[in-house]
Amino acid sequence: MDLGGVEERQEQTLVSILQDSIAIPRSSPRTFSLITLILIFPLSFAVLAHTLFTHPILLQLESEKSSSSSDPQKWMLLFLYQFVYLILLFTFSLLSTAAVVFTVASLYSSKPISFSSTLSAIPPVFSRLMHTFGWVSAIMALYHLAFALVILVLLLVAHKGIAFILLASLVVLGFVVIHIYIACVWHLASVVTVLEPIHGLGAMNKSMELLKGKTRMAAGLVLGYLAVCAVISLVFRAVVVQGGEEGWIGSGIVVKVVVGGVLVAALVVINLTGLLVQSVFYYVCKNFHHESIDKTALYDHLGGYLGEYVPLKSSIQMETL
């Protein structure tokens, strides 16, 4: 087997995915501009700005810890901020996913698209995505619980020495690998949930089938996205949140505002690109498995979200070529 040729084709496919993703907004610039402004911008702003509220409370709690005193109200306020942040994060994340995937599919099926039609489709799409997200959350919770139990067993059996370090390293590495795979399944299952008449576990099973042969590419895309987001978050925390404390050049209020605005804008672009890549990757996986999309059936399926549904004469499931 020509591994060099396979890697070259994989690289060409990745470049094609990125090029297609960047070109898509040009097909309907007004719709994507409004989606970005109303849905993706609040998501990106919340991801970065929540530390501005939680960081001062954490500093106060650390100082109180050193003085052996604690204020329950501050803990309650911290938990409240985190709770509100998580609600905003997951809500706008699902809303953005619903809007982008629906819009990209509408363009693909040559369905007339506008921002108003996208908004009309979001409620039914959102409920389906919530169902899929609920199953993913349950699986992730059980997975984290299993990881914690394994670490606890390791601490009890071999709580020190080289053996513990090696075993703990292997467990952490395995945890990270499986965590990334679950993230890949979740992102692709979100697209499946919107474009096919299945959701929940059915969408996740379909996602795992589609990932066969493309798992490494999906993992690379997820890792790249997470790495860029991590860098942006670290720079925002260092310059904007902790700038005055650490003596950074960004301690000036004007510099903080400028740097913060640039970082939020960068995260908006990264999130939009990530959602577009997620949508395009679905079609790449379909093509890889020699499955074609019945555009007429897809057109009718998308119309169902707008109250235009008519019984499908052909299955939305992709037929083997």
Protein backbone atom coordinates (compact mmCIF):
# COMPACT_ATOMS: atom_id res chain seq x y z
CA MET A 1 0.00 0.00 0.00
CA ASP A 2 1.34 3.43 -0.94
CA LEU A 3 1.28 5.24 2.39
CA GLY A 4 2.83 8.34 0.85
CA GLY A 5 0.05 8.50 -1.73
CA VAL A 6 -2.62 8.05 0.93
CA GLU A 7 -1.14 10.86 3.04
CA GLU A 8 -0.93 13.11 -0.02
CA ARG A 9 -4.59 12.45 -0.87
CA GLN A 10 -5.57 13.08 2.74
CA GLU A 11 -3.71 16.39 2.68
CA GLN A 12 -5.36 17.38 -0.60
CA THR A 13 -8.78 16.46 0.82
CA LEU A 14 -8.12 18.57 3.91
CA VAL A 15 -7.09 21.56 1.80
CA SER A 16 -10.22 21.09 -0.32
CA ILE A 17 -12.42 21.00 2.79
CA LEU A 18 -10.92 24.24 4.08
CA GLN A 19 -11.24 25.95 0.68
CA ASP A 20 -14.86 24.88 0.28
CA SER A 21 -15.67 25.98 3.83
CA ILE A 22 -14.19 29.43 3.27
CA ALA A 23 -16.02 29.82 -0.07
CA ILE A 24 -19.49 28.86 1.24
CA PRO A 25 -20.35 32.21 2.94
CA ARG A 26 -19.90 33.97 -0.40
CA SER A 27 -22.97 32.12 -1.70
CA SER A 28 -25.21 33.92 0.80
CA PRO A 29 -23.18 36.67 2.49
CA ARG A 30 -26.12 38.43 4.17
CA THR A 31 -27.43 35.24 5.79
CA PHE A 32 -24.02 34.17 7.08
CA SER A 33 -23.25 37.71 8.27
CA LEU A 34 -26.44 37.74 10.38
CA ILE A 35 -25.79 34.21 11.70
CA THR A 36 -22.30 35.30 12.70
CA LEU A 37 -23.46 38.51 14.35
CA ILE A 38 -26.52 37.15 16.20
CA LEU A 39 -25.40 33.61 17.12
CA ILE A 40 -21.67 33.02 16.72
CA PHE A 41 -20.50 36.36 18.15
CA PRO A 42 -22.35 35.90 21.50
CA LEU A 43 -20.96 32.36 21.70
CA SER A 44 -17.38 33.54 21.12
CA PHE A 45 -17.76 36.51 23.46
CA ALA A 46 -19.12 34.30 26.26
CA VAL A 47 -16.23 31.82 25.89
CA LEU A 48 -13.66 34.54 26.51
CA ALA A 49 -15.47 37.11 28.64
CA HIS A 50 -16.72 34.77 31.41
CA THR A 51 -13.21 34.78 32.93
CA LEU A 52 -13.53 38.54 33.50
CA PHE A 53 -16.27 37.77 36.06
CA THR A 54 -14.90 34.58 37.61
CA HIS A 55 -11.22 35.55 37.90
CA PRO A 56 -11.66 38.30 40.56
CA ILE A 57 -13.80 35.93 42.67
CA LEU A 58 -11.17 33.19 42.41
CA LEU A 59 -8.49 35.65 43.56
CA GLN A 60 -10.60 36.62 46.57
CA LEU A 61 -11.23 32.97 47.45
CA GLU A 62 -7.50 32.22 47.25
CA SER A 63 -6.72 35.12 49.59
CA GLU A 64 -9.40 33.96 52.01
CA LYS A 65 -8.00 30.44 51.89
CA SER A 66 -4.61 31.70 53.01
CA SER A 67 -6.27 33.57 55.90
CA SER A 68 -8.38 30.52 56.91
CA SER A 69 -11.68 32.28 56.20
CA SER A 70 -14.28 31.67 53.53
CA ASP A 71 -17.32 33.56 52.29
CA PRO A 72 -20.14 31.23 51.15
CA GLN A 73 -21.72 34.03 49.14
CA LYS A 74 -18.64 34.24 46.92
CA TRP A 75 -18.77 30.51 46.26
CA MET A 76 -22.46 30.83 45.38
CA LEU A 77 -21.70 33.74 43.05
CA LEU A 78 -18.92 31.75 41.39
CA PHE A 79 -21.23 28.76 40.83
CA LEU A 80 -23.92 31.10 39.49
CA TYR A 81 -21.52 32.64 36.98
CA GLN A 82 -20.37 29.18 35.86
CA PHE A 83 -23.93 27.91 35.57
CA VAL A 84 -25.04 30.88 33.45
CA TYR A 85 -21.89 30.53 31.34
CA LEU A 86 -22.54 26.84 30.63
CA ILE A 87 -26.17 27.55 29.71
CA LEU A 88 -25.11 30.30 27.29
CA LEU A 89 -22.30 28.16 25.90
CA PHE A 90 -24.41 25.12 25.07
CA THR A 91 -27.43 27.13 23.92
CA PHE A 92 -25.56 29.33 21.44
CA SER A 93 -23.39 26.39 20.38
CA LEU A 94 -26.44 24.34 19.39
CA LEU A 95 -28.19 27.34 17.84
CA SER A 96 -25.11 28.15 15.75
CA THR A 97 -24.76 24.53 14.67
CA ALA A 98 -28.42 24.35 13.66
CA ALA A 99 -28.24 27.58 11.67
CA VAL A 100 -24.98 26.85 9.82
CA VAL A 101 -25.71 23.20 8.98
CA PHE A 102 -29.23 24.05 7.77
CA THR A 103 -27.98 26.96 5.65
CA VAL A 104 -25.14 24.97 4.07
CA ALA A 105 -27.53 22.08 3.28
CA SER A 106 -30.04 24.50 1.76
CA LEU A 107 -27.37 25.91 -0.52
CA TYR A 108 -26.29 22.39 -1.46
CA SER A 109 -29.84 21.34 -2.36
CA SER A 110 -30.49 24.64 -4.21
CA LYS A 111 -33.22 25.56 -1.75
CA PRO A 112 -33.96 29.31 -1.48
CA ILE A 113 -32.36 30.51 1.70
CA SER A 114 -32.62 33.63 3.83
CA PHE A 115 -31.94 34.50 7.42
CA SER A 116 -35.66 34.48 8.21
CA SER A 117 -36.06 30.94 6.85
CA THR A 118 -33.03 29.85 8.85
CA LEU A 119 -34.57 31.29 12.02
CA SER A 120 -37.84 29.51 11.25
CA ALA A 121 -36.01 26.18 10.94
CA ILE A 122 -34.00 26.55 14.16
CA PRO A 123 -36.71 25.51 16.72
CA PRO A 124 -37.37 22.01 15.29
CA VAL A 125 -33.68 21.51 14.50
CA PHE A 126 -32.71 22.69 17.99
CA SER A 127 -34.99 20.14 19.69
CA ARG A 128 -33.41 17.33 17.66
CA LEU A 129 -29.91 18.56 18.45
CA MET A 130 -30.80 18.71 22.14
CA HIS A 131 -31.81 15.05 22.02
CA THR A 132 -28.49 14.09 20.44
CA PHE A 133 -26.57 16.34 22.81
CA GLY A 134 -28.34 14.74 25.78
CA TRP A 135 -27.08 11.31 24.79
CA VAL A 136 -23.57 12.64 24.19
CA SER A 137 -23.59 14.34 27.61
CA ALA A 138 -24.71 11.12 29.31
CA ILE A 139 -21.97 9.14 27.59
CA MET A 140 -19.35 11.76 28.49
CA ALA A 141 -20.51 11.78 32.12
CA LEU A 142 -20.22 7.99 32.36
CA TYR A 143 -16.86 8.13 30.62
CA HIS A 144 -15.47 10.73 33.05
CA LEU A 145 -16.80 8.69 35.96
CA ALA A 146 -15.03 5.59 34.65
CA PHE A 147 -11.82 7.60 34.24
CA ALA A 148 -12.04 8.89 37.82
CA LEU A 149 -12.62 5.36 39.13
CA VAL A 150 -9.59 4.03 37.24
CA ILE A 151 -7.39 6.80 38.65
CA LEU A 152 -8.75 6.07 42.13
CA VAL A 153 -7.91 2.37 41.77
CA LEU A 154 -4.41 3.29 40.62
CA LEU A 155 -3.94 5.54 43.66
CA LEU A 156 -5.02 2.72 45.96
CA VAL A 157 -2.98 -0.01 44.29
CA ALA A 158 0.17 1.84 43.23
CA HIS A 159 0.04 5.32 44.68
CA LYS A 160 3.73 6.06 44.10
CA GLY A 161 6.76 5.00 42.12
CA ILE A 162 7.58 4.54 38.46
CA ALA A 163 4.81 1.98 37.95
CA PHE A 164 2.15 4.46 39.02
CA ILE A 165 3.56 7.20 36.77
CA LEU A 166 3.64 4.90 33.73
CA LEU A 167 0.15 3.48 34.33
CA ALA A 168 -1.30 6.93 35.03
CA SER A 169 0.31 8.29 31.85
CA LEU A 170 -1.19 5.47 29.78
CA VAL A 171 -4.62 6.02 31.34
CA VAL A 172 -4.49 9.77 30.68
CA LEU A 173 -3.33 9.20 27.10
CA GLY A 174 -6.12 6.71 26.50
CA PHE A 175 -8.61 9.12 28.05
CA VAL A 176 -7.51 11.94 25.74
CA VAL A 177 -7.67 9.73 22.63
CA ILE A 178 -11.17 8.44 23.44
CA HIS A 179 -12.30 11.93 24.43
CA ILE A 180 -11.24 13.30 21.04
CA TYR A 181 -13.00 10.42 19.27
CA ILE A 182 -16.23 11.13 21.17
CA ALA A 183 -15.89 14.80 20.19
CA CYS A 184 -15.53 13.76 16.52
CA VAL A 185 -18.61 11.53 16.79
CA TRP A 186 -20.59 14.34 18.45
CA HIS A 187 -19.74 16.99 15.85
CA LEU A 188 -20.56 14.72 12.91
CA ALA A 189 -23.68 13.40 14.67
CA SER A 190 -24.90 17.00 14.94
CA VAL A 191 -24.82 17.30 11.15
CA VAL A 192 -26.48 13.89 10.76
CA THR A 193 -29.22 15.00 13.16
CA VAL A 194 -30.06 17.98 10.96
CA LEU A 195 -29.79 16.32 7.56
CA GLU A 196 -31.20 12.84 8.19
CA PRO A 197 -34.40 11.66 9.91
CA ILE A 198 -32.50 10.23 12.88
CA HIS A 199 -31.22 11.72 16.09
CA GLY A 200 -29.89 10.67 19.48
CA LEU A 201 -28.17 7.28 19.50
CA GLY A 202 -29.20 6.68 15.89
CA ALA A 203 -27.31 9.79 14.77
CA MET A 204 -24.28 8.78 16.83
CA ASN A 205 -24.22 5.30 15.31
CA LYS A 206 -24.49 6.80 11.83
CA SER A 207 -21.69 9.21 12.70
CA MET A 208 -19.40 6.34 13.76
CA GLU A 209 -20.08 4.58 10.47
CA LEU A 210 -19.23 7.71 8.51
CA LEU A 211 -16.01 8.25 10.46
CA LYS A 212 -14.58 4.88 9.40
CA GLY A 213 -11.61 5.65 7.19
CA LYS A 214 -11.73 9.35 8.10
CA THR A 215 -11.14 9.15 11.86
CA ARG A 216 -7.57 10.45 11.69
CA MET A 217 -8.59 13.42 9.57
CA ALA A 218 -11.52 14.18 11.90
CA ALA A 219 -9.24 13.96 14.94
CA GLY A 220 -6.76 16.30 13.27
CA LEU A 221 -9.49 18.84 12.54
CA VAL A 222 -10.79 18.67 16.12
CA LEU A 223 -7.28 18.94 17.60
CA GLY A 224 -6.46 21.89 15.34
CA TYR A 225 -9.66 23.68 16.32
CA LEU A 226 -9.09 23.05 20.04
CA ALA A 227 -5.45 24.13 19.81
CA VAL A 228 -6.28 27.45 18.15
CA CYS A 229 -9.09 28.10 20.65
CA ALA A 230 -6.74 27.28 23.53
CA VAL A 231 -4.11 29.72 22.27
CA ILE A 232 -6.69 32.49 21.89
CA SER A 233 -8.06 31.82 25.39
CA LEU A 234 -4.57 31.80 26.96
CA VAL A 235 -3.60 35.07 25.31
CA PHE A 236 -6.91 36.65 26.36
CA ARG A 237 -6.41 35.52 29.95
CA ALA A 238 -2.79 36.67 30.06
CA VAL A 239 -3.25 40.09 28.43
CA VAL A 240 -6.84 41.12 29.18
CA VAL A 241 -7.73 39.32 32.41
CA GLN A 242 -4.36 39.19 34.17
CA GLY A 243 -2.57 41.98 32.33
CA GLY A 244 -2.31 44.38 35.26
CA GLU A 245 -1.32 41.68 37.74
CA GLU A 246 1.44 40.04 35.70
CA GLY A 247 2.93 43.29 34.41
CA TRP A 248 2.13 42.55 30.76
CA ILE A 249 2.26 45.28 28.19
CA GLY A 250 -1.49 44.84 27.92
CA SER A 251 -2.10 46.31 31.39
CA GLY A 252 -3.35 49.58 29.84
CA ILE A 253 -7.12 49.72 29.47
CA VAL A 254 -6.95 50.82 25.82
CA VAL A 255 -4.57 48.01 24.90
CA LYS A 256 -6.76 45.52 26.76
CA VAL A 257 -9.85 46.62 24.86
CA VAL A 258 -8.06 46.49 21.49
CA VAL A 259 -6.44 43.10 22.15
CA GLY A 260 -9.67 41.73 23.60
CA GLY A 261 -11.64 42.87 20.56
CA VAL A 262 -9.13 41.34 18.16
CA LEU A 263 -9.17 38.02 20.05
CA VAL A 264 -12.97 37.89 20.14
CA ALA A 265 -13.05 38.60 16.38
CA ALA A 266 -10.47 35.87 15.80
CA LEU A 267 -12.52 33.37 17.82
CA VAL A 268 -15.65 34.33 15.85
CA VAL A 269 -13.83 33.51 12.60
CA ILE A 270 -12.50 30.24 14.03
CA ASN A 271 -15.95 29.17 15.29
CA LEU A 272 -17.63 30.00 11.98
CA THR A 273 -14.92 28.17 10.06
CA GLY A 274 -15.22 25.19 12.41
CA LEU A 275 -18.98 24.93 11.84
CA LEU A 276 -18.53 25.21 8.08
CA VAL A 277 -15.80 22.54 8.09
CA GLN A 278 -18.06 20.34 10.21
CA SER A 279 -20.81 20.65 7.60
CA VAL A 280 -18.53 20.05 4.61
CA PHE A 281 -16.82 17.09 6.30
CA TYR A 282 -20.17 15.29 6.40
CA TYR A 283 -20.37 15.37 2.59
CA VAL A 284 -16.72 14.28 2.34
CA CYS A 285 -17.44 11.23 4.51
CA LYS A 286 -20.51 10.42 2.40
CA ASN A 287 -18.43 10.60 -0.76
CA PHE A 288 -15.69 8.47 0.81
CA HIS A 289 -18.21 5.70 1.51
CA HIS A 290 -19.55 5.95 -2.08
CA GLU A 291 -22.89 7.36 -0.99
CA SER A 292 -24.71 10.07 -2.87
CA ILE A 293 -27.26 12.55 -1.63
CA ASP A 294 -30.72 12.62 -3.14
CA LYS A 295 -31.03 16.39 -3.45
CA THR A 296 -34.77 16.22 -4.01
CA ALA A 297 -35.27 14.22 -0.81
CA LEU A 298 -32.90 16.55 1.05
CA TYR A 299 -34.83 19.55 -0.30
CA ASP A 300 -38.09 18.10 1.04
CA HIS A 301 -36.49 17.11 4.33
CA LEU A 302 -35.24 20.66 4.92
CA GLY A 303 -38.67 21.96 3.96
CA GLY A 304 -40.12 19.89 6.79
CA TYR A 305 -38.42 22.21 9.26
CA LEU A 306 -40.26 25.10 7.62
CA GLY A 307 -43.66 23.43 7.59
CA GLU A 308 -43.34 22.53 3.92
CA TYR A 309 -42.99 18.80 4.48
CA VAL A 310 -44.44 16.34 1.96
CA PRO A 311 -44.08 12.54 2.36
CA LEU A 312 -40.78 11.47 0.87
CA LYS A 313 -40.91 9.01 -1.98
CA SER A 314 -37.20 8.36 -1.63
CA SER A 315 -35.25 7.88 1.54
CA ILE A 316 -33.08 10.70 2.80
CA GLN A 317 -30.52 8.00 3.64
CA MET A 318 -27.78 8.07 1.03
CA GLU A 319 -28.02 5.43 -1.67
CA THR A 320 -24.93 3.38 -2.55
CA LEU A 321 -23.55 4.26 -5.95
